[in-house]
Amino acid sequence: MPGTMVEFASNGATGAGYLSTPADGGGPGVIVLQEWWGLVDHIKDVADRFAAEGFVALAPDLYHGESTTSPDDAGKLMMALDIGRVEKDLRGAIQYLLGRDEVTSAHVGTVGFCMGGQLSLYAACENPAVGACVVFYGIHPNVEPNLAALEAPVLGFFAERDAFVPPAAARQLEQDLRAAGKSGDVTVFDGADHAFFNDTRPDVYDADRAAACWSRMLAFYREHVR
């Protein structure tokens, strides 16, 4: 991994995360939010991919050092999250990233996957410094984003065969965004499964859909993260 672990202030406490910067030194900022597994190598790799595209990417460690490969343990870690602490960690991560000399934008983008997808939307609703929000099949039963406070446009990617976040939930998000007068573009991919973007999961990874989402996300950030 070409990036490095860093620490940042989190409302009187300390947060940590994986920071990856472009080879030429600077670019717009992006916050990358983990799946329920934790801050694993896949999420770090996504941050590195952003850096290769000219973004400064920070993936905060929302489990504070814990991670797992067990679905049962991942579910327990997700449900044990202190959402108040998460909000502080997200705010601290955003402020830290915007304070880095390498970051050329006044706003950041957020993106998250599974649990992190819902937290991406939550972070955007809580922080006007978020200029663009991307949600990959977002879910967390204890997180209720305040869409009325949302200022950033939202790009959402969901899967038809998702047992955790069914197409009806994706369409409800789209309707809720529209009802709140917000900008939202939600796509449900036919035949795709939950976690189709995760290339470490050959059982569900869909290379074509993942590549299409990556291209659309980069264009979205380049338009809105300034």
Protein backbone atom coordinates (compact mmCIF):
# COMPACT_ATOMS: atom_id res chain seq x y z
CA MET A 1 0.00 0.00 0.00
CA PRO A 2 1.54 3.34 -1.04
CA GLY A 3 -0.48 5.32 1.52
CA THR A 4 0.10 5.77 5.24
CA MET A 5 -1.84 5.68 8.49
CA VAL A 6 -2.48 9.10 10.05
CA GLU A 7 -4.17 10.46 13.16
CA PHE A 8 -6.56 13.39 13.40
CA ALA A 9 -8.47 15.27 16.09
CA SER A 10 -12.00 14.05 16.76
CA ASN A 11 -13.78 16.42 19.16
CA GLY A 12 -11.33 16.02 22.02
CA ALA A 13 -10.38 12.47 21.12
CA THR A 14 -8.21 11.01 18.37
CA GLY A 15 -9.25 9.31 15.16
CA ALA A 16 -7.12 7.41 12.69
CA GLY A 17 -7.29 6.63 9.01
CA TYR A 18 -5.46 5.61 5.88
CA LEU A 19 -4.28 8.54 3.73
CA SER A 20 -3.27 8.20 0.09
CA THR A 21 -2.01 11.13 -1.99
CA PRO A 22 -1.35 11.57 -5.72
CA ALA A 23 2.16 11.08 -7.02
CA ASP A 24 2.23 14.71 -8.17
CA GLY A 25 1.39 15.86 -4.66
CA GLY A 26 -2.13 17.29 -4.60
CA GLY A 27 -5.76 17.24 -5.68
CA PRO A 28 -9.37 17.36 -4.45
CA GLY A 29 -10.25 15.52 -1.25
CA VAL A 30 -12.32 12.32 -0.95
CA ILE A 31 -13.42 10.46 2.19
CA VAL A 32 -13.68 6.67 1.67
CA LEU A 33 -15.92 4.82 4.14
CA GLN A 34 -15.54 1.18 5.00
CA GLU A 35 -17.83 -1.80 4.64
CA TRP A 36 -18.86 -3.62 7.79
CA TRP A 37 -15.58 -5.59 7.71
CA GLY A 38 -13.57 -2.57 8.91
CA LEU A 39 -10.64 -0.68 7.43
CA VAL A 40 -9.38 -3.65 5.42
CA ASP A 41 -6.97 -3.75 2.48
CA HIS A 42 -9.81 -3.45 -0.07
CA ILE A 43 -10.82 -0.04 1.30
CA LYS A 44 -7.19 1.08 1.41
CA ASP A 45 -6.86 -0.03 -2.21
CA VAL A 46 -9.88 2.09 -3.17
CA ALA A 47 -8.16 5.08 -1.53
CA ASP A 48 -5.00 4.30 -3.51
CA ARG A 49 -7.01 4.12 -6.72
CA PHE A 50 -8.39 7.58 -6.02
CA ALA A 51 -4.86 8.87 -5.46
CA ALA A 52 -3.83 7.41 -8.81
CA GLU A 53 -6.63 9.48 -10.37
CA GLY A 54 -5.41 12.72 -8.76
CA PHE A 55 -7.47 12.80 -5.54
CA VAL A 56 -6.27 12.97 -1.94
CA ALA A 57 -8.15 10.13 -0.23
CA LEU A 58 -8.66 9.46 3.47
CA ALA A 59 -10.33 6.30 4.78
CA PRO A 60 -11.11 6.79 8.49
CA ASP A 61 -10.95 3.75 10.74
CA LEU A 62 -14.43 3.77 12.24
CA TYR A 63 -13.82 0.57 14.25
CA HIS A 64 -10.66 2.01 15.85
CA GLY A 65 -8.33 -0.85 15.04
CA GLU A 66 -10.79 -3.72 14.77
CA SER A 67 -11.61 -5.63 11.57
CA THR A 68 -12.87 -9.08 10.67
CA THR A 69 -13.51 -11.54 7.86
CA SER A 70 -16.46 -13.15 9.66
CA PRO A 71 -19.94 -11.96 8.64
CA ASP A 72 -21.25 -12.63 12.15
CA ASP A 73 -18.50 -10.57 13.74
CA ALA A 74 -18.90 -7.85 11.11
CA GLY A 75 -22.58 -7.57 11.94
CA LYS A 76 -21.77 -7.24 15.63
CA LEU A 77 -19.16 -4.56 14.98
CA MET A 78 -21.57 -2.62 12.79
CA MET A 79 -24.39 -2.75 15.32
CA ALA A 80 -22.04 -1.79 18.16
CA LEU A 81 -21.04 1.46 16.47
CA ASP A 82 -21.58 4.54 18.60
CA ILE A 83 -23.18 6.79 15.99
CA GLY A 84 -22.39 9.89 18.02
CA ARG A 85 -18.71 8.95 18.02
CA VAL A 86 -18.92 8.12 14.31
CA GLU A 87 -20.30 11.59 13.59
CA LYS A 88 -17.35 13.13 15.42
CA ASP A 89 -14.88 10.88 13.58
CA LEU A 90 -16.41 11.78 10.23
CA ARG A 91 -16.36 15.50 11.00
CA GLY A 92 -12.78 15.25 12.25
CA ALA A 93 -11.71 13.32 9.15
CA ILE A 94 -13.26 15.91 6.84
CA GLN A 95 -11.69 18.82 8.68
CA TYR A 96 -8.32 17.07 8.77
CA LEU A 97 -8.41 16.34 5.05
CA LEU A 98 -9.39 19.90 4.13
CA GLY A 99 -6.53 21.14 6.31
CA ARG A 100 -3.92 19.14 4.41
CA ASP A 101 -1.66 21.20 2.14
CA GLU A 102 -2.12 18.61 -0.61
CA VAL A 103 -5.89 19.18 -0.83
CA THR A 104 -6.81 21.73 -3.48
CA SER A 105 -10.58 21.74 -2.97
CA ALA A 106 -12.74 23.69 -0.51
CA HIS A 107 -15.08 20.68 -0.27
CA VAL A 108 -14.64 16.91 -0.14
CA GLY A 109 -16.42 14.04 -1.77
CA THR A 110 -17.66 11.10 0.29
CA VAL A 111 -18.12 7.51 -0.82
CA GLY A 112 -18.99 4.43 1.16
CA PHE A 113 -19.88 0.81 0.65
CA CYS A 114 -22.55 -1.20 2.50
CA MET A 115 -22.46 0.27 6.03
CA GLY A 116 -20.17 2.99 4.70
CA GLY A 117 -22.67 3.83 1.99
CA GLN A 118 -25.23 4.90 4.55
CA LEU A 119 -22.52 6.73 6.48
CA SER A 120 -21.50 8.56 3.30
CA LEU A 121 -25.01 9.99 3.08
CA TYR A 122 -25.04 10.68 6.82
CA ALA A 123 -21.73 12.56 6.59
CA ALA A 124 -23.03 14.64 3.70
CA CYS A 125 -26.15 15.58 5.66
CA GLU A 126 -24.14 16.56 8.73
CA ASN A 127 -21.33 18.46 6.98
CA PRO A 128 -21.79 21.30 4.47
CA ALA A 129 -18.13 20.80 3.56
CA VAL A 130 -19.21 17.71 1.57
CA GLY A 131 -19.57 18.74 -2.06
CA ALA A 132 -20.61 15.38 -3.54
CA CYS A 133 -21.88 12.13 -2.00
CA VAL A 134 -21.67 8.62 -3.48
CA VAL A 135 -23.58 5.70 -1.94
CA PHE A 136 -22.88 2.06 -2.82
CA TYR A 137 -25.75 -0.15 -1.55
CA GLY A 138 -25.85 1.75 1.75
CA ILE A 139 -27.36 0.24 4.87
CA HIS A 140 -27.26 0.77 8.65
CA PRO A 141 -30.48 0.37 10.66
CA ASN A 142 -29.38 2.90 13.31
CA VAL A 143 -28.38 5.70 10.93
CA GLU A 144 -31.07 8.14 9.78
CA PRO A 145 -29.61 10.82 7.49
CA ASN A 146 -31.29 14.21 7.81
CA LEU A 147 -32.03 14.83 4.14
CA ALA A 148 -33.42 18.28 4.88
CA ALA A 149 -29.89 19.42 5.76
CA LEU A 150 -28.26 17.85 2.70
CA GLU A 151 -26.50 20.29 0.37
CA ALA A 152 -24.49 17.90 -1.80
CA PRO A 153 -25.76 16.02 -4.86
CA VAL A 154 -26.04 12.25 -4.40
CA LEU A 155 -25.03 9.44 -6.75
CA GLY A 156 -26.33 6.02 -5.70
CA PHE A 157 -25.44 2.54 -6.94
CA PHE A 158 -27.54 -0.46 -5.92
CA ALA A 159 -28.08 -4.07 -6.98
CA GLU A 160 -31.17 -5.97 -8.09
CA ARG A 161 -30.26 -9.15 -6.20
CA ASP A 162 -29.30 -7.41 -2.96
CA ALA A 163 -30.83 -9.16 0.04
CA PHE A 164 -29.67 -6.40 2.41
CA VAL A 165 -30.72 -3.34 0.40
CA PRO A 166 -33.43 -4.43 -2.06
CA PRO A 167 -34.34 -2.34 -5.11
CA ALA A 168 -37.39 -0.99 -3.27
CA ALA A 169 -35.09 0.61 -0.69
CA ALA A 170 -33.03 2.22 -3.44
CA ARG A 171 -36.13 3.63 -5.09
CA GLN A 172 -37.38 4.89 -1.74
CA LEU A 173 -34.13 6.78 -1.28
CA GLU A 174 -34.58 8.29 -4.71
CA GLN A 175 -38.14 9.34 -3.85
CA ASP A 176 -37.07 10.75 -0.48
CA LEU A 177 -34.34 12.83 -2.11
CA ARG A 178 -36.79 14.16 -4.67
CA ALA A 179 -39.40 14.93 -1.99
CA ALA A 180 -36.77 16.86 -0.02
CA GLY A 181 -35.87 18.86 -3.13
CA LYS A 182 -32.39 17.34 -3.35
CA SER A 183 -30.31 16.24 -6.32
CA GLY A 184 -30.14 12.45 -6.55
CA ASP A 185 -29.24 9.97 -9.30
CA VAL A 186 -29.90 6.36 -8.29
CA THR A 187 -29.08 3.31 -10.44
CA VAL A 188 -30.14 -0.27 -9.68
CA PHE A 189 -28.07 -2.74 -11.70
CA ASP A 190 -29.99 -5.74 -13.06
CA GLY A 191 -28.51 -9.07 -12.05
CA ALA A 192 -25.96 -7.56 -9.65
CA ASP A 193 -25.44 -8.61 -6.03
CA HIS A 194 -24.67 -6.71 -2.84
CA ALA A 195 -20.97 -5.74 -2.74
CA PHE A 196 -20.58 -6.03 -6.52
CA PHE A 197 -17.84 -3.36 -6.40
CA ASN A 198 -15.61 -5.39 -4.06
CA ASP A 199 -12.97 -7.09 -6.20
CA THR A 200 -11.82 -9.22 -3.25
CA ARG A 201 -15.22 -10.97 -3.28
CA PRO A 202 -15.24 -13.20 -6.41
CA ASP A 203 -18.63 -14.59 -5.36
CA VAL A 204 -20.31 -11.21 -6.02
CA TYR A 205 -17.79 -8.98 -7.84
CA ASP A 206 -19.01 -7.64 -11.18
CA ALA A 207 -16.07 -6.16 -13.07
CA ASP A 208 -18.15 -4.44 -15.76
CA ARG A 209 -20.57 -2.78 -13.32
CA ALA A 210 -17.72 -1.83 -10.99
CA ALA A 211 -15.81 -0.20 -13.84
CA ALA A 212 -18.91 1.70 -14.97
CA CYS A 213 -19.52 2.97 -11.43
CA TRP A 214 -15.88 3.98 -11.04
CA SER A 215 -15.97 6.06 -14.22
CA ARG A 216 -19.25 7.73 -13.30
CA MET A 217 -18.03 8.45 -9.78
CA LEU A 218 -14.80 10.06 -10.98
CA ALA A 219 -16.72 12.29 -13.39
CA PHE A 220 -19.19 13.18 -10.62
CA TYR A 221 -16.41 14.23 -8.24
CA ARG A 222 -14.56 16.17 -10.91
CA GLU A 223 -17.70 18.16 -11.55
CA HIS A 224 -18.75 18.82 -7.97
CA VAL A 225 -15.74 18.61 -5.63
CA ARG A 226 -14.10 22.03 -5.88
